[in-house]
Amino acid sequence: METTRERRLHERFRLAGDVFLAFRPSFERVGRILDISAGGIAVEYASDLGPLERGEVLVDIFVKHKNTRIRSLPCHVVYDVEEPSGFEWGGVALRRCGLKFLALAEEHFSELRGFFSDCIMAPA
């Protein structure tokens, strides 16, 4: 049996504590970050709005245990799929979304470095 080759450029990490992500500008989609890498983020959220279209979005990251917020990170939606668990209630489905970081300002790099040093739990 042939094994699949890992195609990711960056190692993914699970997070310690409650770390959330919200999509700007309306904040209609808010979810929990599943893992993060130097290249992007995977987030799980519940929504009745359907999938996000591929393209550029701005997101905020909220770190509950630090009472910290990283604002307006530019990202590209790589995928947005319904979770295979089949959870659905009144049209609200559980979704998983993969985001790739776009060109980040130095301020964002600095905030993310601090975030990585304080929130990383273990490799995913």
Protein backbone atom coordinates (compact mmCIF):
# COMPACT_ATOMS: atom_id res chain seq x y z
CA MET A 1 0.00 0.00 0.00
CA GLU A 2 1.39 3.39 -0.99
CA THR A 3 1.58 6.08 1.66
CA THR A 4 0.49 9.62 0.90
CA ARG A 5 3.16 12.28 0.75
CA GLU A 6 2.81 15.28 3.06
CA ARG A 7 2.33 18.37 0.87
CA ARG A 8 2.19 21.06 3.55
CA LEU A 9 5.03 23.55 3.65
CA HIS A 10 4.61 24.38 7.35
CA GLU A 11 4.13 22.20 10.41
CA ARG A 12 0.68 22.55 11.98
CA PHE A 13 0.16 23.03 15.71
CA ARG A 14 -2.80 22.52 18.03
CA LEU A 15 -3.59 25.33 20.44
CA ALA A 16 -3.89 25.54 24.21
CA GLY A 17 -6.92 27.32 25.61
CA ASP A 18 -9.86 28.85 23.82
CA VAL A 19 -8.76 30.57 20.61
CA PHE A 20 -11.43 31.86 18.25
CA LEU A 21 -11.53 33.37 14.78
CA ALA A 22 -14.14 35.75 13.36
CA PHE A 23 -14.64 36.72 9.73
CA ARG A 24 -14.83 40.45 9.07
CA PRO A 25 -16.61 42.75 8.49
CA SER A 26 -19.93 41.31 9.67
CA PHE A 27 -18.67 38.74 12.22
CA GLU A 28 -21.55 36.45 11.10
CA ARG A 29 -19.14 33.51 11.17
CA VAL A 30 -17.19 32.86 14.37
CA GLY A 31 -15.45 29.60 15.16
CA ARG A 32 -12.77 27.80 17.13
CA ILE A 33 -9.29 27.50 15.63
CA LEU A 34 -8.40 23.82 15.19
CA ASP A 35 -4.76 24.28 14.26
CA ILE A 36 -2.36 26.91 13.00
CA SER A 37 0.93 27.06 11.10
CA ALA A 38 3.22 29.74 9.76
CA GLY A 39 1.21 29.48 6.54
CA GLY A 40 -2.38 29.55 7.75
CA ILE A 41 -5.23 28.41 9.98
CA ALA A 42 -7.91 25.71 10.10
CA VAL A 43 -11.13 26.77 11.81
CA GLU A 44 -14.40 25.01 12.67
CA TYR A 45 -17.62 27.01 12.83
CA ALA A 46 -21.39 26.52 12.72
CA SER A 47 -23.39 28.42 10.12
CA ASP A 48 -26.55 28.44 8.06
CA LEU A 49 -24.95 30.74 5.46
CA GLY A 50 -23.36 28.02 3.32
CA PRO A 51 -19.70 27.87 2.33
CA LEU A 52 -17.39 30.85 2.03
CA GLU A 53 -16.28 31.47 -1.52
CA ARG A 54 -12.60 31.12 -2.32
CA GLY A 55 -10.90 34.47 -2.22
CA GLU A 56 -9.52 37.09 0.11
CA VAL A 57 -11.02 37.64 3.58
CA LEU A 58 -10.04 39.52 6.73
CA VAL A 59 -10.19 37.72 10.06
CA ASP A 60 -9.69 38.53 13.73
CA ILE A 61 -8.19 36.08 16.22
CA PHE A 62 -9.38 36.16 19.83
CA VAL A 63 -7.29 34.52 22.55
CA LYS A 64 -9.58 34.11 25.57
CA HIS A 65 -7.01 33.24 28.25
CA LYS A 66 -4.85 36.24 27.27
CA ASN A 67 -7.73 38.63 26.60
CA THR A 68 -5.96 39.39 23.31
CA ARG A 69 -7.20 40.14 19.81
CA ILE A 70 -5.26 40.16 16.54
CA ARG A 71 -7.21 42.31 14.09
CA SER A 72 -7.70 42.22 10.33
CA LEU A 73 -5.36 39.41 9.25
CA PRO A 74 -5.54 39.11 5.46
CA CYS A 75 -6.18 35.51 4.39
CA HIS A 76 -7.24 33.52 1.36
CA VAL A 77 -10.02 30.92 1.71
CA VAL A 78 -8.46 27.66 0.49
CA TYR A 79 -11.48 25.47 1.30
CA ASP A 80 -14.75 25.58 3.22
CA VAL A 81 -16.52 22.24 3.58
CA GLU A 82 -19.25 20.73 5.70
CA GLU A 83 -17.85 18.49 8.43
CA PRO A 84 -18.38 14.80 7.65
CA SER A 85 -20.02 14.28 11.06
CA GLY A 86 -23.27 15.29 9.39
CA PHE A 87 -24.24 17.58 12.30
CA GLU A 88 -27.08 19.83 11.22
CA TRP A 89 -29.79 21.54 13.20
CA GLY A 90 -32.41 23.80 11.66
CA GLY A 91 -30.23 24.48 8.62
CA VAL A 92 -27.13 25.19 10.73
CA ALA A 93 -24.25 22.93 9.72
CA LEU A 94 -20.80 22.41 11.21
CA ARG A 95 -18.15 23.55 8.71
CA ARG A 96 -14.36 23.41 8.47
CA CYS A 97 -12.46 26.18 6.70
CA GLY A 98 -8.80 26.38 5.70
CA LEU A 99 -7.20 29.81 5.40
CA LYS A 100 -3.82 30.77 3.97
CA PHE A 101 -2.14 33.90 5.31
CA LEU A 102 -1.59 36.58 2.67
CA ALA A 103 1.03 39.35 2.78
CA LEU A 104 1.07 40.29 6.45
CA ALA A 105 2.20 43.64 7.84
CA GLU A 106 5.12 43.60 10.29
CA GLU A 107 2.61 44.35 13.08
CA HIS A 108 0.76 41.12 12.26
CA PHE A 109 4.01 39.12 12.19
CA SER A 110 4.89 40.44 15.63
CA GLU A 111 1.44 39.65 17.04
CA LEU A 112 1.50 36.15 15.55
CA ARG A 113 4.99 35.46 16.95
CA GLY A 114 3.68 36.30 20.43
CA PHE A 115 0.59 34.22 19.77
CA PHE A 116 2.69 31.21 18.71
CA SER A 117 4.93 31.44 21.78
CA ASP A 118 1.98 31.56 24.20
CA CYS A 119 -0.70 29.36 22.63
CA ILE A 120 0.97 26.42 20.91
CA MET A 121 0.24 23.13 22.61
CA ALA A 122 1.62 20.36 20.35
CA PRO A 123 2.21 19.47 16.72
CA ALA A 124 -1.05 18.52 15.00
